Amino acid sequence: MKLVLSQEQQELRAAVRAFLAAASPPPRAREGYDPAVYARLNGELGLAGLLVAEEYGGAGAGFADLAVALEETGAVLLPGPFLATTFAAIALAGVPDKELLTGIAEGRIAATLARPHTGIPLRDGTVTGTLPQVLSGMEADVLLLPATTGDGLVMTAVDLHGEGVTRTPLETLDITRGQARVELGGAAARVLGPAPAGVGDRLAVALAAEQLGVMRAALDAIVAYAKVRVAFGRYIGSYQGVKHKLADMHGKLEQAESIVRYAAWAADESPDELPEAAALAQAYVGRACFEVARDHLLLHGGIGYTWEHDAHLYYKRAKTDEVLLGPPRAHRARLADLLEL
């Protein structure tokens, strides 16, 4: 097991960080999805194609590399369909489709993945039903939809610009990344193959990597603030209550990083360990991310509660991510079952 970044991964992190610092710093997250930034993200760095096999034009990288990229996009609260497209690419690894994978790798296609077990039936090549919450549903071009048939669950692809599809943007807690209600009324669905197993575990690893980035950025911000903010003639970082809270936050970050690195390694190298690693990642990292973002907001004092400050953006992203794949209690229960506790 390798929990330390390789030289190549450190270089990837530096390249992604430098690009995002210039093209999409945290204050720009308020402006929402910028297709031009997304196009550059894929054109210059090829991030959407990290997991895509080389035969389809991707980098053929693994989850350890993907985690590095997602940590950086999480740190700047990158708006848009990058995480949703990553989820779709993870699902497509089990049902490879040249058209979709090539489009994702080239940055031409933004995709999203419906939550598993939607219960929507496939009849005569069409699907009818309602998906109440679809991540980046307004920005995505293609929806990957697990649909039921007489022979079981299959993965289908639905053109979100096609007939029989109605999309309604939702008012969400996280204003930096939208969701949509998608109504399917006899929409054409192309069958890609049997729904692959183990997708949920890999989604959990990817999300935990983004949460790690949110945690790190929030902690960095409050540490920097504690060094310059003066209250009652002293820097607030010198007060015991603040120092202890920052130490607790740092401890959570260190644990979260080890868990994410282990989960990413398991996704690449040890599929037998992946279910436990993925459940642990969401059981711990999801909650820890929210707690760090919450405390970072509180320690900013009054300025942290203002609309103009970025603290509330991290708080909202952390809370949204915490429940994106189900509440932490569900992951704790699954982990307990896997460990036969």
C-alpha atoms as a PDB file:
ATOM      1  CA  MET A   1       0.000   0.000   0.000  1.00  0.00           C
ATOM      2  CA  LYS A   2       1.262   3.463  -0.934  1.00  0.00           C
ATOM      3  CA  LEU A   3      -0.188   6.478   0.895  1.00  0.00           C
ATOM      4  CA  VAL A   4       2.395   9.036  -0.267  1.00  0.00           C
ATOM      5  CA  LEU A   5       1.990  10.811  -3.616  1.00  0.00           C
ATOM      6  CA  SER A   6       4.467   9.840  -6.303  1.00  0.00           C
ATOM      7  CA  GLN A   7       6.534  12.430  -8.141  1.00  0.00           C
ATOM      8  CA  GLU A   8       4.151  12.261 -11.119  1.00  0.00           C
ATOM      9  CA  GLN A   9       1.139  12.787  -8.849  1.00  0.00           C
ATOM     10  CA  GLN A  10       2.794  15.763  -7.187  1.00  0.00           C
ATOM     11  CA  GLU A  11       3.377  17.263 -10.623  1.00  0.00           C
ATOM     12  CA  LEU A  12      -0.259  16.598 -11.565  1.00  0.00           C
ATOM     13  CA  ARG A  13      -1.393  18.325  -8.376  1.00  0.00           C
ATOM     14  CA  ALA A  14       0.822  21.328  -9.084  1.00  0.00           C
ATOM     15  CA  ALA A  15      -0.464  21.627 -12.661  1.00  0.00           C
ATOM     16  CA  VAL A  16      -4.138  21.382 -11.674  1.00  0.00           C
ATOM     17  CA  ARG A  17      -3.681  23.774  -8.757  1.00  0.00           C
ATOM     18  CA  ALA A  18      -1.939  26.380 -10.894  1.00  0.00           C
ATOM     19  CA  PHE A  19      -4.592  26.136 -13.621  1.00  0.00           C
ATOM     20  CA  LEU A  20      -7.515  26.467 -11.204  1.00  0.00           C
ATOM     21  CA  ALA A  21      -5.881  29.336  -9.297  1.00  0.00           C
ATOM     22  CA  ALA A  22      -5.843  31.323 -12.523  1.00  0.00           C
ATOM     23  CA  ALA A  23      -8.997  30.099 -14.272  1.00  0.00           C
ATOM     24  CA  SER A  24     -11.418  29.301 -11.447  1.00  0.00           C
ATOM     25  CA  PRO A  25     -10.409  30.616  -7.998  1.00  0.00           C
ATOM     26  CA  PRO A  26     -12.948  30.190  -5.159  1.00  0.00           C
ATOM     27  CA  PRO A  27     -14.557  33.662  -5.530  1.00  0.00           C
ATOM     28  CA  ARG A  28     -15.540  32.774  -9.115  1.00  0.00           C
ATOM     29  CA  ALA A  29     -17.549  29.808  -7.849  1.00  0.00           C
ATOM     30  CA  ARG A  30     -20.353  32.263  -7.140  1.00  0.00           C
ATOM     31  CA  GLU A  31     -20.660  32.919 -10.864  1.00  0.00           C
ATOM     32  CA  GLY A  32     -21.579  29.309 -11.542  1.00  0.00           C
ATOM     33  CA  TYR A  33     -20.664  27.022 -14.396  1.00  0.00           C
ATOM     34  CA  ASP A  34     -18.421  28.503 -17.066  1.00  0.00           C
ATOM     35  CA  PRO A  35     -18.268  26.297 -20.192  1.00  0.00           C
ATOM     36  CA  ALA A  36     -15.065  28.034 -21.292  1.00  0.00           C
ATOM     37  CA  VAL A  37     -13.263  26.995 -18.076  1.00  0.00           C
ATOM     38  CA  TYR A  38     -14.592  23.449 -18.416  1.00  0.00           C
ATOM     39  CA  ALA A  39     -13.384  23.284 -22.017  1.00  0.00           C
ATOM     40  CA  ARG A  40      -9.909  24.439 -20.994  1.00  0.00           C
ATOM     41  CA  LEU A  41      -9.883  22.032 -18.057  1.00  0.00           C
ATOM     42  CA  ASN A  42     -10.287  19.169 -20.473  1.00  0.00           C
ATOM     43  CA  GLY A  43      -8.447  20.600 -23.449  1.00  0.00           C
ATOM     44  CA  GLU A  44      -5.302  21.640 -21.576  1.00  0.00           C
ATOM     45  CA  LEU A  45      -5.248  19.109 -18.741  1.00  0.00           C
ATOM     46  CA  GLY A  46      -7.513  16.313 -19.963  1.00  0.00           C
ATOM     47  CA  LEU A  47      -9.038  15.857 -16.514  1.00  0.00           C
ATOM     48  CA  ALA A  48     -12.376  14.435 -17.669  1.00  0.00           C
ATOM     49  CA  GLY A  49     -10.475  11.675 -19.443  1.00  0.00           C
ATOM     50  CA  LEU A  50      -8.225  10.670 -16.555  1.00  0.00           C
ATOM     51  CA  LEU A  51     -10.079   7.406 -15.958  1.00  0.00           C
ATOM     52  CA  VAL A  52     -10.891   6.800 -19.615  1.00  0.00           C
ATOM     53  CA  ALA A  53      -8.819   4.075 -21.251  1.00  0.00           C
ATOM     54  CA  GLU A  54      -6.159   5.143 -23.740  1.00  0.00           C
ATOM     55  CA  GLU A  55      -7.938   3.320 -26.574  1.00  0.00           C
ATOM     56  CA  TYR A  56     -10.770   5.862 -26.220  1.00  0.00           C
ATOM     57  CA  GLY A  57      -8.478   8.868 -26.064  1.00  0.00           C
ATOM     58  CA  GLY A  58      -8.152   9.092 -22.280  1.00  0.00           C
ATOM     59  CA  ALA A  59      -5.176   8.983 -19.956  1.00  0.00           C
ATOM     60  CA  GLY A  60      -5.861   5.491 -18.634  1.00  0.00           C
ATOM     61  CA  ALA A  61      -5.011   6.655 -15.126  1.00  0.00           C
ATOM     62  CA  GLY A  62      -6.231   5.159 -11.881  1.00  0.00           C
ATOM     63  CA  PHE A  63      -8.131   6.369  -8.842  1.00  0.00           C
ATOM     64  CA  ALA A  64      -4.964   7.489  -7.082  1.00  0.00           C
ATOM     65  CA  ASP A  65      -4.424  10.046  -9.855  1.00  0.00           C
ATOM     66  CA  LEU A  66      -8.110  10.933 -10.019  1.00  0.00           C
ATOM     67  CA  ALA A  67      -8.125  11.605  -6.277  1.00  0.00           C
ATOM     68  CA  VAL A  68      -5.329  14.140  -6.719  1.00  0.00           C
ATOM     69  CA  ALA A  69      -7.333  16.046  -9.331  1.00  0.00           C
ATOM     70  CA  LEU A  70     -10.599  15.909  -7.386  1.00  0.00           C
ATOM     71  CA  GLU A  71      -8.908  17.203  -4.262  1.00  0.00           C
ATOM     72  CA  GLU A  72      -7.851  20.306  -6.173  1.00  0.00           C
ATOM     73  CA  THR A  73     -11.245  20.874  -7.845  1.00  0.00           C
ATOM     74  CA  GLY A  74     -12.885  20.500  -4.435  1.00  0.00           C
ATOM     75  CA  ALA A  75     -10.530  23.039  -2.885  1.00  0.00           C
ATOM     76  CA  VAL A  76     -11.685  25.761  -5.302  1.00  0.00           C
ATOM     77  CA  LEU A  77     -15.346  24.634  -5.275  1.00  0.00           C
ATOM     78  CA  LEU A  78     -15.206  24.134  -9.045  1.00  0.00           C
ATOM     79  CA  PRO A  79     -18.708  24.703 -10.457  1.00  0.00           C
ATOM     80  CA  GLY A  80     -20.138  22.659 -13.283  1.00  0.00           C
ATOM     81  CA  PRO A  81     -20.406  19.025 -14.305  1.00  0.00           C
ATOM     82  CA  PHE A  82     -16.875  17.782 -13.610  1.00  0.00           C
ATOM     83  CA  LEU A  83     -17.829  15.563 -10.661  1.00  0.00           C
ATOM     84  CA  ALA A  84     -20.983  14.359 -12.426  1.00  0.00           C
ATOM     85  CA  THR A  85     -18.994  13.483 -15.550  1.00  0.00           C
ATOM     86  CA  THR A  86     -16.435  11.694 -13.402  1.00  0.00           C
ATOM     87  CA  PHE A  87     -19.246   9.641 -11.873  1.00  0.00           C
ATOM     88  CA  ALA A  88     -20.456   8.789 -15.382  1.00  0.00           C
ATOM     89  CA  ALA A  89     -16.942   7.778 -16.475  1.00  0.00           C
ATOM     90  CA  ILE A  90     -16.691   5.486 -13.457  1.00  0.00           C
ATOM     91  CA  ALA A  91     -19.952   3.777 -14.434  1.00  0.00           C
ATOM     92  CA  LEU A  92     -18.871   3.519 -18.083  1.00  0.00           C
ATOM     93  CA  ALA A  93     -15.729   1.640 -17.068  1.00  0.00           C
ATOM     94  CA  GLY A  94     -18.012  -1.328 -16.480  1.00  0.00           C
ATOM     95  CA  VAL A  95     -19.949  -0.924 -19.744  1.00  0.00           C
ATOM     96  CA  PRO A  96     -17.467   0.663 -22.181  1.00  0.00           C
ATOM     97  CA  ASP A  97     -19.020   2.688 -24.973  1.00  0.00           C
ATOM     98  CA  LYS A  98     -16.705   4.197 -27.569  1.00  0.00           C
ATOM     99  CA  GLU A  99     -18.959   7.125 -28.478  1.00  0.00           C
ATOM    100  CA  LEU A 100     -19.492   8.277 -24.894  1.00  0.00           C
ATOM    101  CA  LEU A 101     -16.001   7.614 -23.582  1.00  0.00           C
ATOM    102  CA  THR A 102     -14.350   9.340 -26.536  1.00  0.00           C
ATOM    103  CA  GLY A 103     -16.649  12.340 -26.131  1.00  0.00           C
ATOM    104  CA  ILE A 104     -15.917  12.572 -22.415  1.00  0.00           C
ATOM    105  CA  ALA A 105     -12.162  12.280 -22.948  1.00  0.00           C
ATOM    106  CA  GLU A 106     -12.241  15.029 -25.570  1.00  0.00           C
ATOM    107  CA  GLY A 107     -14.407  17.264 -23.388  1.00  0.00           C
ATOM    108  CA  ARG A 108     -17.240  17.290 -25.933  1.00  0.00           C
ATOM    109  CA  ILE A 109     -19.693  15.442 -23.717  1.00  0.00           C
ATOM    110  CA  ALA A 110     -20.684  16.310 -20.169  1.00  0.00           C
ATOM    111  CA  ALA A 111     -22.480  13.378 -18.601  1.00  0.00           C
ATOM    112  CA  THR A 112     -24.217  12.552 -15.359  1.00  0.00           C
ATOM    113  CA  LEU A 113     -25.271   9.398 -13.574  1.00  0.00           C
ATOM    114  CA  ALA A 114     -28.695   8.714 -12.114  1.00  0.00           C
ATOM    115  CA  ARG A 115     -28.780   7.221  -8.662  1.00  0.00           C
ATOM    116  CA  PRO A 116     -28.847   3.415  -8.714  1.00  0.00           C
ATOM    117  CA  HIS A 117     -32.062   1.481  -8.295  1.00  0.00           C
ATOM    118  CA  THR A 118     -34.248   4.245  -9.692  1.00  0.00           C
ATOM    119  CA  GLY A 119     -36.839   1.641 -10.612  1.00  0.00           C
ATOM    120  CA  ILE A 120     -37.493   3.213 -14.001  1.00  0.00           C
ATOM    121  CA  PRO A 121     -38.481   0.500 -16.505  1.00  0.00           C
ATOM    122  CA  LEU A 122     -37.155   0.138 -20.031  1.00  0.00           C
ATOM    123  CA  ARG A 123     -39.898  -0.699 -22.527  1.00  0.00           C
ATOM    124  CA  ASP A 124     -39.481  -0.821 -26.298  1.00  0.00           C
ATOM    125  CA  GLY A 125     -36.267   1.179 -26.099  1.00  0.00           C
ATOM    126  CA  THR A 126     -37.796   4.045 -24.116  1.00  0.00           C
ATOM    127  CA  VAL A 127     -37.937   5.079 -20.468  1.00  0.00           C
ATOM    128  CA  THR A 128     -40.675   6.860 -18.562  1.00  0.00           C
ATOM    129  CA  GLY A 129     -40.378   8.188 -15.035  1.00  0.00           C
ATOM    130  CA  THR A 130     -39.122  11.026 -12.879  1.00  0.00           C
ATOM    131  CA  LEU A 131     -35.710  11.566 -11.333  1.00  0.00           C
ATOM    132  CA  PRO A 132     -36.219  14.130  -8.554  1.00  0.00           C
ATOM    133  CA  GLN A 133     -32.528  15.048  -8.179  1.00  0.00           C
ATOM    134  CA  VAL A 134     -29.874  14.702 -10.858  1.00  0.00           C
ATOM    135  CA  LEU A 135     -26.418  16.139 -10.210  1.00  0.00           C
ATOM    136  CA  SER A 136     -25.546  18.783 -12.848  1.00  0.00           C
ATOM    137  CA  GLY A 137     -28.718  17.799 -14.654  1.00  0.00           C
ATOM    138  CA  MET A 138     -28.985  21.132 -16.469  1.00  0.00           C
ATOM    139  CA  GLU A 139     -25.387  21.149 -17.745  1.00  0.00           C
ATOM    140  CA  ALA A 140     -25.082  17.499 -18.753  1.00  0.00           C
ATOM    141  CA  ASP A 141     -25.614  16.270 -22.306  1.00  0.00           C
ATOM    142  CA  VAL A 142     -26.114  12.585 -21.519  1.00  0.00           C
ATOM    143  CA  LEU A 143     -27.742  10.785 -18.615  1.00  0.00           C
ATOM    144  CA  LEU A 144     -26.555   7.308 -17.658  1.00  0.00           C
ATOM    145  CA  LEU A 145     -29.622   5.606 -16.266  1.00  0.00           C
ATOM    146  CA  PRO A 146     -29.871   2.170 -14.637  1.00  0.00           C
ATOM    147  CA  ALA A 147     -33.200   0.834 -15.930  1.00  0.00           C
ATOM    148  CA  THR A 148     -35.115  -2.324 -15.118  1.00  0.00           C
ATOM    149  CA  THR A 149     -36.008  -5.007 -17.635  1.00  0.00           C
ATOM    150  CA  GLY A 150     -37.390  -8.511 -17.416  1.00  0.00           C
ATOM    151  CA  ASP A 151     -33.811  -9.783 -17.334  1.00  0.00           C
ATOM    152  CA  GLY A 152     -32.584  -7.454 -14.600  1.00  0.00           C
ATOM    153  CA  LEU A 153     -30.923  -4.071 -14.375  1.00  0.00           C
ATOM    154  CA  VAL A 154     -29.236  -2.576 -17.449  1.00  0.00           C
ATOM    155  CA  MET A 155     -27.291   0.619 -17.967  1.00  0.00           C
ATOM    156  CA  THR A 156     -28.778   2.951 -20.562  1.00  0.00           C
ATOM    157  CA  ALA A 157     -27.772   6.269 -22.097  1.00  0.00           C
ATOM    158  CA  VAL A 158     -30.376   9.011 -22.559  1.00  0.00           C
ATOM    159  CA  ASP A 159     -29.775  12.138 -24.645  1.00  0.00           C
ATOM    160  CA  LEU A 160     -30.845  14.969 -22.354  1.00  0.00           C
ATOM    161  CA  HIS A 161     -31.405  17.227 -25.358  1.00  0.00           C
ATOM    162  CA  GLY A 162     -33.713  14.715 -27.016  1.00  0.00           C
ATOM    163  CA  GLU A 163     -37.478  14.382 -27.182  1.00  0.00           C
ATOM    164  CA  GLY A 164     -39.353  13.207 -24.137  1.00  0.00           C
ATOM    165  CA  VAL A 165     -36.936  14.853 -21.684  1.00  0.00           C
ATOM    166  CA  THR A 166     -37.944  17.762 -19.470  1.00  0.00           C
ATOM    167  CA  ARG A 167     -35.404  19.337 -17.140  1.00  0.00           C
ATOM    168  CA  THR A 168     -36.210  21.735 -14.318  1.00  0.00           C
ATOM    169  CA  PRO A 169     -33.449  23.413 -12.304  1.00  0.00           C
ATOM    170  CA  LEU A 170     -33.719  22.988  -8.541  1.00  0.00           C
ATOM    171  CA  GLU A 171     -33.008  25.536  -5.847  1.00  0.00           C
ATOM    172  CA  THR A 172     -30.187  23.828  -3.966  1.00  0.00           C
ATOM    173  CA  LEU A 173     -28.204  24.519  -0.811  1.00  0.00           C
ATOM    174  CA  ASP A 174     -24.926  24.507  -2.751  1.00  0.00           C
ATOM    175  CA  ILE A 175     -25.165  27.413  -5.170  1.00  0.00           C
ATOM    176  CA  THR A 176     -21.862  26.462  -6.806  1.00  0.00           C
ATOM    177  CA  ARG A 177     -23.113  23.199  -8.306  1.00  0.00           C
ATOM    178  CA  GLY A 178     -26.654  22.687  -9.488  1.00  0.00           C
ATOM    179  CA  GLN A 179     -29.085  19.826  -9.632  1.00  0.00           C
ATOM    180  CA  ALA A 180     -32.172  19.278 -11.742  1.00  0.00           C
ATOM    181  CA  ARG A 181     -35.430  17.398 -11.778  1.00  0.00           C
ATOM    182  CA  VAL A 182     -35.510  15.235 -14.893  1.00  0.00           C
ATOM    183  CA  GLU A 183     -38.811  13.948 -16.242  1.00  0.00           C
ATOM    184  CA  LEU A 184     -38.644  11.219 -18.843  1.00  0.00           C
ATOM    185  CA  GLY A 185     -41.730  10.744 -20.982  1.00  0.00           C
ATOM    186  CA  GLY A 186     -40.968   8.000 -23.467  1.00  0.00           C
ATOM    187  CA  ALA A 187     -37.396   9.203 -23.970  1.00  0.00           C
ATOM    188  CA  ALA A 188     -35.179   7.044 -26.168  1.00  0.00           C
ATOM    189  CA  ALA A 189     -32.672   5.016 -24.149  1.00  0.00           C
ATOM    190  CA  ARG A 190     -29.711   3.190 -25.666  1.00  0.00           C
ATOM    191  CA  VAL A 191     -28.751   0.023 -23.800  1.00  0.00           C
ATOM    192  CA  LEU A 192     -25.044  -0.136 -22.991  1.00  0.00           C
ATOM    193  CA  GLY A 193     -25.051  -3.472 -21.201  1.00  0.00           C
ATOM    194  CA  PRO A 194     -25.815  -5.018 -17.811  1.00  0.00           C
ATOM    195  CA  ALA A 195     -25.500  -2.518 -14.961  1.00  0.00           C
ATOM    196  CA  PRO A 196     -21.955  -2.981 -13.583  1.00  0.00           C
ATOM    197  CA  ALA A 197     -21.382  -3.974  -9.968  1.00  0.00           C
ATOM    198  CA  GLY A 198     -19.317  -2.031  -7.472  1.00  0.00           C
ATOM    199  CA  VAL A 199     -19.972   1.393  -9.006  1.00  0.00           C
ATOM    200  CA  GLY A 200     -21.211   2.826  -5.706  1.00  0.00           C
ATOM    201  CA  ASP A 201     -17.921   2.043  -3.968  1.00  0.00           C
ATOM    202  CA  ARG A 202     -15.923   3.853  -6.635  1.00  0.00           C
ATOM    203  CA  LEU A 203     -18.259   6.842  -6.514  1.00  0.00           C
ATOM    204  CA  ALA A 204     -17.685   7.007  -2.756  1.00  0.00           C
ATOM    205  CA  VAL A 205     -13.917   7.131  -3.262  1.00  0.00           C
ATOM    206  CA  ALA A 206     -14.193   9.917  -5.848  1.00  0.00           C
ATOM    207  CA  LEU A 207     -16.497  11.993  -3.655  1.00  0.00           C
ATOM    208  CA  ALA A 208     -14.239  11.530  -0.616  1.00  0.00           C
ATOM    209  CA  ALA A 209     -11.326  12.928  -2.637  1.00  0.00           C
ATOM    210  CA  GLU A 210     -13.320  16.079  -3.382  1.00  0.00           C
ATOM    211  CA  GLN A 211     -14.303  16.349   0.291  1.00  0.00           C
ATOM    212  CA  LEU A 212     -10.642  16.140   1.254  1.00  0.00           C
ATOM    213  CA  GLY A 213      -9.962  19.182  -0.928  1.00  0.00           C
ATOM    214  CA  VAL A 214     -12.827  21.108   0.672  1.00  0.00           C
ATOM    215  CA  MET A 215     -11.443  20.285   4.128  1.00  0.00           C
ATOM    216  CA  ARG A 216      -7.919  21.338   3.265  1.00  0.00           C
ATOM    217  CA  ALA A 217      -8.984  24.655   1.744  1.00  0.00           C
ATOM    218  CA  ALA A 218     -11.251  25.476   4.690  1.00  0.00           C
ATOM    219  CA  LEU A 219      -8.514  24.723   7.218  1.00  0.00           C
ATOM    220  CA  ASP A 220      -5.911  26.706   5.265  1.00  0.00           C
ATOM    221  CA  ALA A 221      -8.275  29.694   5.143  1.00  0.00           C
ATOM    222  CA  ILE A 222      -8.993  29.801   8.866  1.00  0.00           C
ATOM    223  CA  VAL A 223      -5.346  29.218   9.817  1.00  0.00           C
ATOM    224  CA  ALA A 224      -4.347  32.184   7.654  1.00  0.00           C
ATOM    225  CA  TYR A 225      -7.116  34.298   9.213  1.00  0.00           C
ATOM    226  CA  ALA A 226      -6.098  33.332  12.761  1.00  0.00           C
ATOM    227  CA  LYS A 227      -2.614  34.690  12.051  1.00  0.00           C
ATOM    228  CA  VAL A 228      -3.811  38.185  11.127  1.00  0.00           C
ATOM    229  CA  ARG A 229      -7.087  38.770  12.996  1.00  0.00           C
ATOM    230  CA  VAL A 230      -6.598  40.719  16.215  1.00  0.00           C
ATOM    231  CA  ALA A 231      -9.117  40.671  19.068  1.00  0.00           C
ATOM    232  CA  PHE A 232      -8.539  42.326  22.457  1.00  0.00           C
ATOM    233  CA  GLY A 233      -5.001  43.196  21.445  1.00  0.00           C
ATOM    234  CA  ARG A 234      -3.957  39.656  20.498  1.00  0.00           C
ATOM    235  CA  TYR A 235      -3.997  37.543  17.376  1.00  0.00           C
ATOM    236  CA  ILE A 236      -6.897  35.156  17.741  1.00  0.00           C
ATOM    237  CA  GLY A 237      -4.596  32.273  16.874  1.00  0.00           C
ATOM    238  CA  SER A 238      -2.874  32.799  20.229  1.00  0.00           C
ATOM    239  CA  TYR A 239      -6.024  32.007  22.224  1.00  0.00           C
ATOM    240  CA  GLN A 240      -6.146  28.518  23.650  1.00  0.00           C
ATOM    241  CA  GLY A 241      -9.717  27.888  22.486  1.00  0.00           C
ATOM    242  CA  VAL A 242      -8.811  28.720  18.906  1.00  0.00           C
ATOM    243  CA  LYS A 243      -5.508  26.811  18.946  1.00  0.00           C
ATOM    244  CA  HIS A 244      -7.144  23.649  20.251  1.00  0.00           C
ATOM    245  CA  LYS A 245      -9.953  23.842  17.708  1.00  0.00           C
ATOM    246  CA  LEU A 246      -7.468  24.283  14.852  1.00  0.00           C
ATOM    247  CA  ALA A 247      -5.469  21.315  16.146  1.00  0.00           C
ATOM    248  CA  ASP A 248      -8.630  19.183  16.178  1.00  0.00           C
ATOM    249  CA  MET A 249      -9.426  20.254  12.620  1.00  0.00           C
ATOM    250  CA  HIS A 250      -5.911  19.395  11.501  1.00  0.00           C
ATOM    251  CA  GLY A 251      -6.194  15.958  13.104  1.00  0.00           C
ATOM    252  CA  LYS A 252      -9.415  15.289  11.176  1.00  0.00           C
ATOM    253  CA  LEU A 253      -7.733  16.357   7.957  1.00  0.00           C
ATOM    254  CA  GLU A 254      -4.762  14.048   8.510  1.00  0.00           C
ATOM    255  CA  GLN A 255      -7.029  11.090   9.187  1.00  0.00           C
ATOM    256  CA  ALA A 256      -9.189  11.906   6.180  1.00  0.00           C
ATOM    257  CA  GLU A 257      -6.156  12.077   3.893  1.00  0.00           C
ATOM    258  CA  SER A 258      -4.961   8.652   4.993  1.00  0.00           C
ATOM    259  CA  ILE A 259      -8.432   7.185   4.457  1.00  0.00           C
ATOM    260  CA  VAL A 260      -8.767   8.710   0.984  1.00  0.00           C
ATOM    261  CA  ARG A 261      -5.308   7.558  -0.110  1.00  0.00           C
ATOM    262  CA  TYR A 262      -6.068   4.051   1.161  1.00  0.00           C
ATOM    263  CA  ALA A 263      -9.468   3.962  -0.569  1.00  0.00           C
ATOM    264  CA  ALA A 264      -7.981   5.156  -3.855  1.00  0.00           C
ATOM    265  CA  TRP A 265      -5.256   2.502  -3.588  1.00  0.00           C
ATOM    266  CA  ALA A 266      -7.875  -0.174  -2.919  1.00  0.00           C
ATOM    267  CA  ALA A 267      -9.899   0.948  -5.960  1.00  0.00           C
ATOM    268  CA  ASP A 268      -6.788   0.487  -8.113  1.00  0.00           C
ATOM    269  CA  GLU A 269      -5.023  -2.450  -6.537  1.00  0.00           C
ATOM    270  CA  SER A 270      -7.185  -4.372  -4.086  1.00  0.00           C
ATOM    271  CA  PRO A 271     -10.842  -4.838  -5.106  1.00  0.00           C
ATOM    272  CA  ASP A 272     -11.424  -7.160  -2.151  1.00  0.00           C
ATOM    273  CA  GLU A 273     -10.664  -4.315   0.264  1.00  0.00           C
ATOM    274  CA  LEU A 274     -12.585  -1.684  -1.686  1.00  0.00           C
ATOM    275  CA  PRO A 275     -16.064  -2.141  -0.131  1.00  0.00           C
ATOM    276  CA  GLU A 276     -14.767  -1.570   3.407  1.00  0.00           C
ATOM    277  CA  ALA A 277     -12.455   1.253   2.299  1.00  0.00           C
ATOM    278  CA  ALA A 278     -15.242   3.026   0.406  1.00  0.00           C
ATOM    279  CA  ALA A 279     -17.717   2.704   3.265  1.00  0.00           C
ATOM    280  CA  LEU A 280     -15.087   4.007   5.694  1.00  0.00           C
ATOM    281  CA  ALA A 281     -14.325   6.932   3.392  1.00  0.00           C
ATOM    282  CA  GLN A 282     -17.906   8.170   3.368  1.00  0.00           C
ATOM    283  CA  ALA A 283     -18.610   7.251   6.995  1.00  0.00           C
ATOM    284  CA  TYR A 284     -15.647   9.326   8.216  1.00  0.00           C
ATOM    285  CA  VAL A 285     -14.634  11.838   5.555  1.00  0.00           C
ATOM    286  CA  GLY A 286     -18.141  13.085   4.810  1.00  0.00           C
ATOM    287  CA  ARG A 287     -18.832  14.029   8.406  1.00  0.00           C
ATOM    288  CA  ALA A 288     -15.312  15.294   9.070  1.00  0.00           C
ATOM    289  CA  CYS A 289     -15.486  17.551   6.016  1.00  0.00           C
ATOM    290  CA  PHE A 290     -18.700  19.141   7.240  1.00  0.00           C
ATOM    291  CA  GLU A 291     -17.334  19.612  10.763  1.00  0.00           C
ATOM    292  CA  VAL A 292     -14.175  21.305   9.503  1.00  0.00           C
ATOM    293  CA  ALA A 293     -16.156  23.575   7.165  1.00  0.00           C
ATOM    294  CA  ARG A 294     -18.581  24.413   9.985  1.00  0.00           C
ATOM    295  CA  ASP A 295     -15.842  25.238  12.477  1.00  0.00           C
ATOM    296  CA  HIS A 296     -13.938  27.236   9.860  1.00  0.00           C
ATOM    297  CA  LEU A 297     -17.056  29.381   9.407  1.00  0.00           C
ATOM    298  CA  LEU A 298     -17.580  29.803  13.163  1.00  0.00           C
ATOM    299  CA  LEU A 299     -13.960  30.741  13.854  1.00  0.00           C
ATOM    300  CA  HIS A 300     -14.157  33.508  11.268  1.00  0.00           C
ATOM    301  CA  GLY A 301     -16.563  35.228  13.645  1.00  0.00           C
ATOM    302  CA  GLY A 302     -18.993  37.796  12.318  1.00  0.00           C
ATOM    303  CA  ILE A 303     -17.306  38.142   8.929  1.00  0.00           C
ATOM    304  CA  GLY A 304     -17.845  34.417   8.323  1.00  0.00           C
ATOM    305  CA  TYR A 305     -21.599  34.876   8.413  1.00  0.00           C
ATOM    306  CA  THR A 306     -21.707  37.502   5.704  1.00  0.00           C
ATOM    307  CA  TRP A 307     -22.823  36.741   2.171  1.00  0.00           C
ATOM    308  CA  GLU A 308     -19.664  38.356   0.811  1.00  0.00           C
ATOM    309  CA  HIS A 309     -17.321  35.919   2.555  1.00  0.00           C
ATOM    310  CA  ASP A 310     -16.512  32.537   1.006  1.00  0.00           C
ATOM    311  CA  ALA A 311     -16.948  30.603   4.267  1.00  0.00           C
ATOM    312  CA  HIS A 312     -20.604  29.819   3.633  1.00  0.00           C
ATOM    313  CA  LEU A 313     -19.750  28.403   0.192  1.00  0.00           C
ATOM    314  CA  TYR A 314     -17.486  25.778   1.760  1.00  0.00           C
ATOM    315  CA  TYR A 315     -20.057  25.048   4.453  1.00  0.00           C
ATOM    316  CA  LYS A 316     -22.766  24.438   1.849  1.00  0.00           C
ATOM    317  CA  ARG A 317     -20.570  22.331  -0.429  1.00  0.00           C
ATOM    318  CA  ALA A 318     -19.523  20.231   2.578  1.00  0.00           C
ATOM    319  CA  LYS A 319     -23.099  19.624   3.692  1.00  0.00           C
ATOM    320  CA  THR A 320     -24.280  18.807   0.161  1.00  0.00           C
ATOM    321  CA  ASP A 321     -21.401  16.381  -0.389  1.00  0.00           C
ATOM    322  CA  GLU A 322     -22.021  14.767   2.991  1.00  0.00           C
ATOM    323  CA  VAL A 323     -25.440  13.490   1.890  1.00  0.00           C
ATOM    324  CA  LEU A 324     -24.855  13.192  -1.860  1.00  0.00           C
ATOM    325  CA  LEU A 325     -24.434   9.404  -1.727  1.00  0.00           C
ATOM    326  CA  GLY A 326     -26.571   8.928   1.357  1.00  0.00           C
ATOM    327  CA  PRO A 327     -26.191  10.108   4.959  1.00  0.00           C
ATOM    328  CA  PRO A 328     -23.126   9.058   6.972  1.00  0.00           C
ATOM    329  CA  ARG A 329     -25.262   6.773   9.141  1.00  0.00           C
ATOM    330  CA  ALA A 330     -26.024   4.629   6.074  1.00  0.00           C
ATOM    331  CA  HIS A 331     -22.308   4.239   5.333  1.00  0.00           C
ATOM    332  CA  ARG A 332     -21.579   3.472   8.995  1.00  0.00           C
ATOM    333  CA  ALA A 333     -24.252   0.778   8.969  1.00  0.00           C
ATOM    334  CA  ARG A 334     -22.823  -0.717   5.776  1.00  0.00           C
ATOM    335  CA  LEU A 335     -19.301  -0.659   7.200  1.00  0.00           C
ATOM    336  CA  ALA A 336     -20.530  -2.401  10.335  1.00  0.00           C
ATOM    337  CA  ASP A 337     -22.184  -5.092   8.220  1.00  0.00           C
ATOM    338  CA  LEU A 338     -19.043  -5.601   6.157  1.00  0.00           C
ATOM    339  CA  LEU A 339     -16.984  -5.961   9.324  1.00  0.00           C
ATOM    340  CA  GLU A 340     -19.641  -8.243  10.835  1.00  0.00           C
ATOM    341  CA  LEU A 341     -20.028  -6.005  13.870  1.00  0.00           C
END
